[in-house]
Amino acid sequence: MTTSEPTDGAAPTDPTEKHHSEGFSSQEQEQPGLTEPMQPDPDHGERSYRGALRLSGRRALITGGDSGIGRAVAIAFAREGADVAITHLPEEQEDADETVRWITEAGSKGLALEGDLRDEGFATDIVDRTVSELGGLDILVLNAAYQKDRDGVDKLETAEFDRVFRTNIYAQLFTARAAIPHLQPGSSLIVTTSIQAFNPSPGLIDYAMTKAAQVAFVKALAQDLGSKGVRVNGVAPGPIWTPLIPATGWDAERLETFGQDTPLGRAGQPAELAGAYVYLASEDASFVSGAILPVTGGKGL
């Protein structure tokens, strides 16, 4: 298994200066957003994350694992010893190939599953394909999401509202429902929710609604599956530099100030989320269920 050398040795780093600490230049992409055009490049832990075999022998499925937070989690899981399947849209093939390359370079088995999670058939089939290819399923990360800047509820089109809810809520239910029969005691289900669930922005009102619903989903499902020995938790990111950001439709001023309102004074990088998912998936979190772990740069939930 290969790992990367740490960039900072054993010494602690100033979190206000660890990553890009300024705003971001004007840039725009069509949804779903891709990694290559982003300036600066996001950090997924390619050069910094070191594994310790905390997930050795586990089999993981990460929806939206081709880029952003999903890629960082996939790299970390692989370096912790897990085999990893990821889902991606057809437009994200290049990103997916790169993520699988990092997974296999770590000595783990990687699997890319192409399709649209809004399709119930695909969102369900990915579970069977993961179980068939990897030999089982121990960790499910429901991470794929869609957001778009809104100019008032009165201008929010029903088709866009449906797209957000079908991607962020329906798809999670489809996949979780199919996965639960395969999850044995000790398995872990992790949902990527958001600070938007607790501190919503009016321009992301429909996205925030889905993220709040995901929090309820985590808490209810944790109670439902607890007696089966399956833990269910969520991670609530704050402002993180992923392809979703330039594809959200914000203007230059909004990008210039993105993440500057956190107590740490900057946006986070995907790599800074990876440890939270590894913790929740590992034996270190054996008594943690129904929790929402914030990774927000100090912004309160």
Protein backbone atom coordinates (compact mmCIF):
# COMPACT_ATOMS: atom_id res chain seq x y z
CA MET A 1 0.00 0.00 0.00
CA THR A 2 1.40 3.38 -0.97
CA THR A 3 1.09 6.57 1.03
CA SER A 4 2.14 10.15 0.58
CA GLU A 5 4.70 11.88 2.71
CA PRO A 6 3.24 14.55 4.98
CA THR A 7 3.81 18.09 3.87
CA ASP A 8 4.41 19.47 7.33
CA GLY A 9 6.23 16.76 9.29
CA ALA A 10 5.16 16.38 12.90
CA ALA A 11 4.80 20.08 13.59
CA PRO A 12 1.31 21.58 13.85
CA THR A 13 0.33 24.13 11.25
CA ASP A 14 -1.56 27.39 11.55
CA PRO A 15 -5.03 26.46 10.20
CA THR A 16 -5.60 29.98 8.92
CA GLU A 17 -2.63 29.58 6.56
CA LYS A 18 -2.61 25.85 5.82
CA HIS A 19 -4.41 26.23 2.49
CA HIS A 20 -5.43 28.96 0.05
CA SER A 21 -6.45 31.80 2.34
CA GLU A 22 -7.73 34.36 -0.12
CA GLY A 23 -10.89 34.60 -2.19
CA PHE A 24 -11.22 32.85 -5.53
CA SER A 25 -11.01 34.45 -8.96
CA SER A 26 -14.05 34.73 -11.20
CA GLN A 27 -14.78 31.39 -12.89
CA GLU A 28 -17.89 29.60 -13.99
CA GLN A 29 -18.75 26.07 -15.07
CA GLU A 30 -21.85 24.25 -16.16
CA GLN A 31 -23.19 21.63 -13.78
CA PRO A 32 -21.97 19.19 -12.58
CA GLY A 33 -18.59 20.95 -12.52
CA LEU A 34 -15.18 19.40 -13.19
CA THR A 35 -11.84 19.52 -11.41
CA GLU A 36 -9.46 20.40 -14.25
CA PRO A 37 -10.71 23.97 -14.99
CA MET A 38 -10.66 25.03 -11.32
CA GLN A 39 -8.23 27.74 -10.23
CA PRO A 40 -6.58 27.06 -7.85
CA ASP A 41 -6.57 23.26 -7.91
CA PRO A 42 -8.46 21.73 -5.00
CA ASP A 43 -6.47 19.58 -2.57
CA HIS A 44 -7.87 16.06 -2.17
CA GLY A 45 -4.99 14.80 -0.05
CA GLU A 46 -3.14 13.34 -3.01
CA ARG A 47 0.22 14.41 -1.58
CA SER A 48 -0.59 14.59 2.11
CA TYR A 49 -2.96 11.88 3.34
CA ARG A 50 -1.18 8.99 5.07
CA GLY A 51 -3.11 5.82 5.81
CA ALA A 52 -2.82 3.59 8.87
CA LEU A 53 -4.91 0.58 7.69
CA ARG A 54 -7.84 1.60 9.88
CA LEU A 55 -10.26 0.32 7.21
CA SER A 56 -8.31 -2.73 6.11
CA GLY A 57 -10.49 -5.26 4.29
CA ARG A 58 -13.56 -2.99 4.16
CA ARG A 59 -15.64 -2.42 1.04
CA ALA A 60 -16.96 1.11 0.45
CA LEU A 61 -19.39 2.78 -1.95
CA ILE A 62 -19.20 6.57 -2.30
CA THR A 63 -21.82 8.38 -4.38
CA GLY A 64 -20.37 11.39 -6.18
CA GLY A 65 -16.90 10.05 -5.51
CA ASP A 66 -15.28 11.38 -8.66
CA SER A 67 -14.30 14.83 -7.38
CA GLY A 68 -14.39 17.20 -4.45
CA ILE A 69 -15.16 15.73 -1.04
CA GLY A 70 -16.00 12.38 -2.60
CA ARG A 71 -12.56 12.07 -4.19
CA ALA A 72 -10.80 13.04 -0.96
CA VAL A 73 -12.76 10.41 0.94
CA ALA A 74 -12.07 7.78 -1.73
CA ILE A 75 -8.31 8.45 -1.56
CA ALA A 76 -8.32 8.32 2.23
CA PHE A 77 -10.39 5.13 2.39
CA ALA A 78 -8.09 3.43 -0.11
CA ARG A 79 -4.98 4.44 1.84
CA GLU A 80 -6.67 3.07 4.96
CA GLY A 81 -6.97 -0.31 3.23
CA ALA A 82 -10.51 -0.27 1.84
CA ASP A 83 -11.63 -1.21 -1.66
CA VAL A 84 -13.71 1.64 -3.05
CA ALA A 85 -16.52 2.01 -5.59
CA ILE A 86 -17.58 5.48 -6.70
CA THR A 87 -20.49 6.79 -8.74
CA HIS A 88 -20.29 9.60 -11.28
CA LEU A 89 -22.26 11.23 -14.07
CA PRO A 90 -21.22 10.53 -17.69
CA GLU A 91 -19.81 14.06 -17.96
CA GLU A 92 -17.50 13.33 -15.02
CA GLN A 93 -15.70 10.36 -16.59
CA GLU A 94 -12.30 12.08 -16.60
CA ASP A 95 -12.58 12.96 -12.92
CA ALA A 96 -13.77 9.44 -12.11
CA ASP A 97 -10.82 7.88 -13.94
CA GLU A 98 -8.42 10.05 -11.97
CA THR A 99 -10.01 9.08 -8.66
CA VAL A 100 -9.85 5.38 -9.52
CA ARG A 101 -6.21 5.84 -10.44
CA TRP A 102 -5.47 7.15 -6.95
CA ILE A 103 -7.45 4.29 -5.38
CA THR A 104 -5.55 1.60 -7.26
CA GLU A 105 -2.23 3.36 -6.71
CA ALA A 106 -2.86 2.91 -2.99
CA GLY A 107 -3.07 -0.85 -3.56
CA SER A 108 -6.85 -1.07 -3.28
CA LYS A 109 -9.48 -2.12 -5.78
CA GLY A 110 -11.32 0.75 -7.46
CA LEU A 111 -14.62 0.69 -9.32
CA ALA A 112 -16.31 3.56 -11.21
CA LEU A 113 -20.07 3.31 -11.77
CA GLU A 114 -21.44 5.71 -14.39
CA GLY A 115 -25.01 6.95 -14.30
CA ASP A 116 -27.52 9.41 -12.88
CA LEU A 117 -28.60 8.79 -9.30
CA ARG A 118 -31.95 10.44 -9.98
CA ASP A 119 -32.75 7.23 -11.86
CA GLU A 120 -34.06 4.83 -9.22
CA GLY A 121 -32.82 1.84 -11.20
CA PHE A 122 -29.24 3.14 -11.28
CA ALA A 123 -29.30 4.34 -7.65
CA THR A 124 -30.36 0.84 -6.62
CA ASP A 125 -28.22 -1.16 -9.04
CA ILE A 126 -24.98 0.42 -7.82
CA VAL A 127 -25.34 -1.50 -4.56
CA ASP A 128 -25.60 -4.89 -6.27
CA ARG A 129 -22.71 -4.03 -8.59
CA THR A 130 -20.53 -2.98 -5.66
CA VAL A 131 -21.34 -6.13 -3.71
CA SER A 132 -20.64 -8.27 -6.77
CA GLU A 133 -17.34 -6.57 -7.72
CA LEU A 134 -15.93 -5.93 -4.24
CA GLY A 135 -17.39 -8.96 -2.46
CA GLY A 136 -19.59 -7.07 -0.05
CA LEU A 137 -20.43 -3.65 1.36
CA ASP A 138 -19.30 -2.32 4.74
CA ILE A 139 -19.29 1.47 4.28
CA LEU A 140 -21.84 3.54 2.37
CA VAL A 141 -21.15 7.26 1.88
CA LEU A 142 -24.12 9.16 0.45
CA ASN A 143 -22.30 12.19 -0.84
CA ALA A 144 -23.61 13.19 -4.31
CA ALA A 145 -25.43 16.53 -4.36
CA TYR A 146 -26.64 19.34 -6.58
CA GLN A 147 -26.98 23.04 -5.80
CA LYS A 148 -27.63 26.19 -7.80
CA ASP A 149 -27.86 29.84 -6.83
CA ARG A 150 -31.49 31.03 -6.70
CA ASP A 151 -32.75 34.56 -7.31
CA GLY A 152 -35.78 34.29 -5.05
CA VAL A 153 -38.36 31.56 -4.45
CA ASP A 154 -40.73 33.24 -6.89
CA LYS A 155 -38.23 32.46 -9.68
CA LEU A 156 -37.45 28.89 -8.61
CA GLU A 157 -38.56 26.58 -11.39
CA THR A 158 -40.29 23.34 -10.47
CA ALA A 159 -37.93 21.36 -12.69
CA GLU A 160 -34.92 22.73 -10.80
CA PHE A 161 -36.62 22.11 -7.45
CA ASP A 162 -37.26 18.52 -8.53
CA ARG A 163 -33.64 18.11 -9.63
CA VAL A 164 -32.31 19.20 -6.25
CA PHE A 165 -34.66 16.99 -4.27
CA ARG A 166 -34.29 13.98 -6.54
CA THR A 167 -30.49 14.20 -6.39
CA ASN A 168 -30.10 15.06 -2.71
CA ILE A 169 -33.02 13.18 -1.11
CA TYR A 170 -34.64 10.61 -3.39
CA ALA A 171 -31.33 9.16 -4.55
CA GLN A 172 -30.10 8.77 -0.98
CA LEU A 173 -33.24 6.89 -0.04
CA PHE A 174 -33.02 4.66 -3.13
CA THR A 175 -29.41 3.70 -2.43
CA ALA A 176 -29.75 3.34 1.34
CA ARG A 177 -32.85 1.18 0.95
CA ALA A 178 -30.99 -1.17 -1.40
CA ALA A 179 -27.84 -1.22 0.76
CA ILE A 180 -29.35 -1.92 4.19
CA PRO A 181 -29.91 -5.67 3.61
CA HIS A 182 -26.20 -5.99 2.80
CA LEU A 183 -24.90 -4.06 5.83
CA GLN A 184 -23.69 -6.37 8.56
CA PRO A 185 -23.07 -5.45 12.22
CA GLY A 186 -20.13 -3.07 12.32
CA SER A 187 -21.04 -1.41 9.04
CA SER A 188 -21.20 2.36 8.70
CA LEU A 189 -23.47 4.66 6.70
CA ILE A 190 -22.34 8.27 6.36
CA VAL A 191 -24.31 11.14 4.83
CA THR A 192 -22.75 14.37 3.55
CA THR A 193 -25.11 17.04 4.81
CA SER A 194 -24.08 20.72 5.17
CA ILE A 195 -23.88 23.74 7.39
CA GLN A 196 -26.75 24.91 5.17
CA ALA A 197 -29.02 22.55 7.13
CA PHE A 198 -28.54 24.74 10.20
CA ASN A 199 -27.55 28.14 8.79
CA PRO A 200 -29.29 28.37 5.40
CA SER A 201 -28.54 30.94 2.72
CA PRO A 202 -31.59 32.34 0.89
CA GLY A 203 -29.87 31.79 -2.48
CA LEU A 204 -29.59 28.08 -1.70
CA ILE A 205 -33.03 27.66 -0.18
CA ASP A 206 -33.94 24.39 -1.94
CA TYR A 207 -30.48 22.91 -1.34
CA ALA A 208 -30.68 23.91 2.33
CA MET A 209 -34.08 22.24 2.62
CA THR A 210 -32.63 18.96 1.39
CA LYS A 211 -29.67 19.21 3.73
CA ALA A 212 -31.97 19.74 6.71
CA ALA A 213 -33.96 16.69 5.61
CA GLN A 214 -30.72 14.69 5.49
CA VAL A 215 -30.06 15.52 9.13
CA ALA A 216 -33.46 14.09 10.05
CA PHE A 217 -32.71 11.08 7.85
CA VAL A 218 -29.43 10.44 9.72
CA LYS A 219 -30.99 10.71 13.15
CA ALA A 220 -34.02 8.56 12.35
CA LEU A 221 -32.03 5.91 10.48
CA ALA A 222 -29.49 5.69 13.31
CA GLN A 223 -32.32 4.74 15.64
CA ASP A 224 -33.76 2.30 13.12
CA LEU A 225 -30.49 0.45 12.43
CA GLY A 226 -28.87 0.69 15.85
CA SER A 227 -30.17 -2.67 17.05
CA LYS A 228 -28.66 -4.26 13.93
CA GLY A 229 -25.22 -2.94 14.81
CA VAL A 230 -25.13 -0.50 11.89
CA ARG A 231 -24.00 3.04 12.69
CA VAL A 232 -25.41 6.06 10.82
CA ASN A 233 -23.79 9.50 10.98
CA GLY A 234 -23.42 12.68 8.97
CA VAL A 235 -20.67 15.15 8.14
CA ALA A 236 -21.66 18.81 7.79
CA PRO A 237 -19.10 20.67 5.66
CA GLY A 238 -18.86 24.43 5.66
CA PRO A 239 -17.55 26.29 2.58
CA ILE A 240 -15.30 23.80 0.73
CA TRP A 241 -13.52 24.40 -2.60
CA THR A 242 -15.01 21.77 -4.90
CA PRO A 243 -16.29 21.79 -8.52
CA LEU A 244 -19.76 22.43 -7.13
CA ILE A 245 -18.72 25.99 -6.24
CA PRO A 246 -17.83 27.40 -9.70
CA ALA A 247 -20.84 25.50 -11.05
CA THR A 248 -23.27 27.09 -8.55
CA GLY A 249 -23.68 30.27 -10.60
CA TRP A 250 -22.25 32.82 -8.18
CA ASP A 251 -20.87 36.11 -9.45
CA ALA A 252 -17.26 37.28 -9.13
CA GLU A 253 -17.89 39.07 -5.84
CA ARG A 254 -19.39 35.97 -4.23
CA LEU A 255 -16.43 33.84 -5.30
CA GLU A 256 -13.97 36.46 -4.11
CA THR A 257 -15.45 36.27 -0.60
CA PHE A 258 -16.17 32.52 -0.55
CA GLY A 259 -15.17 31.12 2.83
CA GLN A 260 -13.83 34.43 4.13
CA ASP A 261 -16.59 34.64 6.74
CA THR A 262 -15.40 31.58 8.68
CA PRO A 263 -13.56 32.16 11.96
CA LEU A 264 -10.49 30.62 10.32
CA GLY A 265 -10.84 33.20 7.55
CA ARG A 266 -10.79 30.90 4.52
CA ALA A 267 -12.60 28.15 2.64
CA GLY A 268 -11.73 24.56 3.38
CA GLN A 269 -10.21 22.01 1.02
CA PRO A 270 -11.67 18.53 0.35
CA ALA A 271 -8.64 16.92 2.03
CA GLU A 272 -9.66 18.55 5.30
CA LEU A 273 -12.90 16.52 5.30
CA ALA A 274 -11.35 13.10 4.71
CA GLY A 275 -10.35 12.42 8.31
CA ALA A 276 -13.92 12.96 9.52
CA TYR A 277 -15.22 10.23 7.21
CA VAL A 278 -12.40 7.86 8.10
CA TYR A 279 -13.13 8.36 11.79
CA LEU A 280 -16.85 7.72 11.40
CA ALA A 281 -16.23 4.63 9.27
CA SER A 282 -13.61 3.17 11.61
CA GLU A 283 -13.64 1.29 14.90
CA ASP A 284 -12.58 4.52 16.59
CA ALA A 285 -16.22 5.61 16.26
CA SER A 286 -17.77 2.34 17.44
CA PHE A 287 -20.05 4.16 19.91
CA VAL A 288 -20.88 7.08 17.62
CA SER A 289 -24.22 6.99 15.82
CA GLY A 290 -26.82 9.62 15.00
CA ALA A 291 -24.15 12.33 15.11
CA ILE A 292 -23.55 15.24 12.74
CA LEU A 293 -19.85 16.09 12.67
CA PRO A 294 -19.21 19.71 11.59
CA VAL A 295 -16.16 20.58 9.50
CA THR A 296 -16.89 24.25 9.00
CA GLY A 297 -13.80 26.33 9.75
CA GLY A 298 -15.43 27.39 13.00
CA LYS A 299 -18.85 28.42 11.68
CA GLY A 300 -21.46 27.23 14.15
CA LEU A 301 -24.27 24.83 13.36
